[in-house]
Amino acid sequence: MTHYVCDLYGNTNWKIPVEEVAARTFNTEQEAQQWFQEKCSDNSIEFSGFHDTERYVTNWVSCNGKEVGEITKRPT
């Protein structure tokens, strides 16, 4: 089953405990987008849509015109 992992650039998944990464992992794209919407206080948020990269299919996230993170779509 596919899952969606949110990564916040100012607090990247590479530097936090696995438990926190697990809390940023969702079963649906909509849940992952909602997580980012809660992080962007005035809801001026944009999603790039998913694009193939070297490792994962990635959806970049911008808040108020600044790129703040990404959602990666990963197989289980």
Protein backbone atom coordinates (compact mmCIF):
# COMPACT_ATOMS: atom_id res chain seq x y z
CA MET A 1 0.00 0.00 0.00
CA THR A 2 1.26 3.46 -0.86
CA HIS A 3 1.94 6.01 1.89
CA TYR A 4 2.77 9.73 1.88
CA VAL A 5 5.61 11.25 3.89
CA CYS A 6 5.73 14.98 4.67
CA ASP A 7 9.13 16.65 5.03
CA LEU A 8 9.39 20.20 6.36
CA TYR A 9 12.60 21.88 5.15
CA GLY A 10 13.16 23.88 8.36
CA ASN A 11 12.80 20.69 10.42
CA THR A 12 13.82 17.94 8.02
CA ASN A 13 13.05 14.27 8.57
CA TRP A 14 16.79 13.48 8.46
CA LYS A 15 17.27 15.29 11.79
CA ILE A 16 14.29 14.09 13.83
CA PRO A 17 13.52 10.81 15.62
CA VAL A 18 11.79 8.04 13.65
CA GLU A 19 8.70 8.46 15.85
CA GLU A 20 8.28 12.03 14.58
CA VAL A 21 8.74 10.89 10.97
CA ALA A 22 6.04 8.29 11.59
CA ALA A 23 3.72 11.10 12.74
CA ARG A 24 4.33 12.80 9.36
CA THR A 25 3.40 9.66 7.41
CA PHE A 26 -0.14 9.32 6.06
CA ASN A 27 -2.26 6.82 4.16
CA THR A 28 -3.71 9.37 1.71
CA GLU A 29 -2.51 12.37 -0.24
CA GLN A 30 -5.34 14.43 1.27
CA GLU A 31 -4.14 13.71 4.84
CA ALA A 32 -0.60 14.77 3.90
CA GLN A 33 -1.85 17.98 2.30
CA GLN A 34 -3.95 18.71 5.39
CA TRP A 35 -0.83 18.36 7.56
CA PHE A 36 0.88 21.08 5.53
CA GLN A 37 -2.23 23.28 5.53
CA GLU A 38 -2.12 23.22 9.33
CA LYS A 39 1.55 24.34 9.22
CA CYS A 40 0.80 27.32 6.93
CA SER A 41 -1.11 29.66 9.21
CA ASP A 42 -2.90 31.80 6.61
CA ASN A 43 -3.58 28.89 4.22
CA SER A 44 -1.80 30.57 1.32
CA ILE A 45 -0.44 27.17 0.32
CA GLU A 46 0.34 25.67 -3.07
CA PHE A 47 1.17 22.12 -4.13
CA SER A 48 3.19 21.44 -7.29
CA GLY A 49 1.50 18.12 -8.03
CA PHE A 50 3.51 14.91 -8.07
CA HIS A 51 6.61 14.62 -10.25
CA ASP A 52 9.03 11.73 -10.76
CA THR A 53 12.49 12.27 -9.24
CA GLU A 54 15.51 9.98 -8.90
CA ARG A 55 14.19 8.37 -5.71
CA TYR A 56 10.52 9.14 -5.16
CA VAL A 57 7.48 10.72 -6.69
CA THR A 58 7.49 14.17 -5.05
CA ASN A 59 4.97 16.99 -4.54
CA TRP A 60 6.70 20.25 -3.51
CA VAL A 61 4.86 22.54 -1.10
CA SER A 62 4.99 26.35 -1.00
CA CYS A 63 3.55 28.66 1.65
CA ASN A 64 3.22 32.38 0.88
CA GLY A 65 5.35 31.89 -2.24
CA LYS A 66 8.24 30.20 -0.38
CA GLU A 67 9.02 26.50 -0.79
CA VAL A 68 8.66 24.95 2.69
CA GLY A 69 8.66 21.21 2.18
CA GLU A 70 7.59 18.22 0.17
CA ILE A 71 5.36 15.20 0.18
CA THR A 72 6.88 12.00 -1.13
CA LYS A 73 4.76 9.13 -2.36
CA ARG A 74 6.32 5.84 -1.30
CA PRO A 75 5.40 2.20 -1.74
CA THR A 76 5.14 0.11 1.41
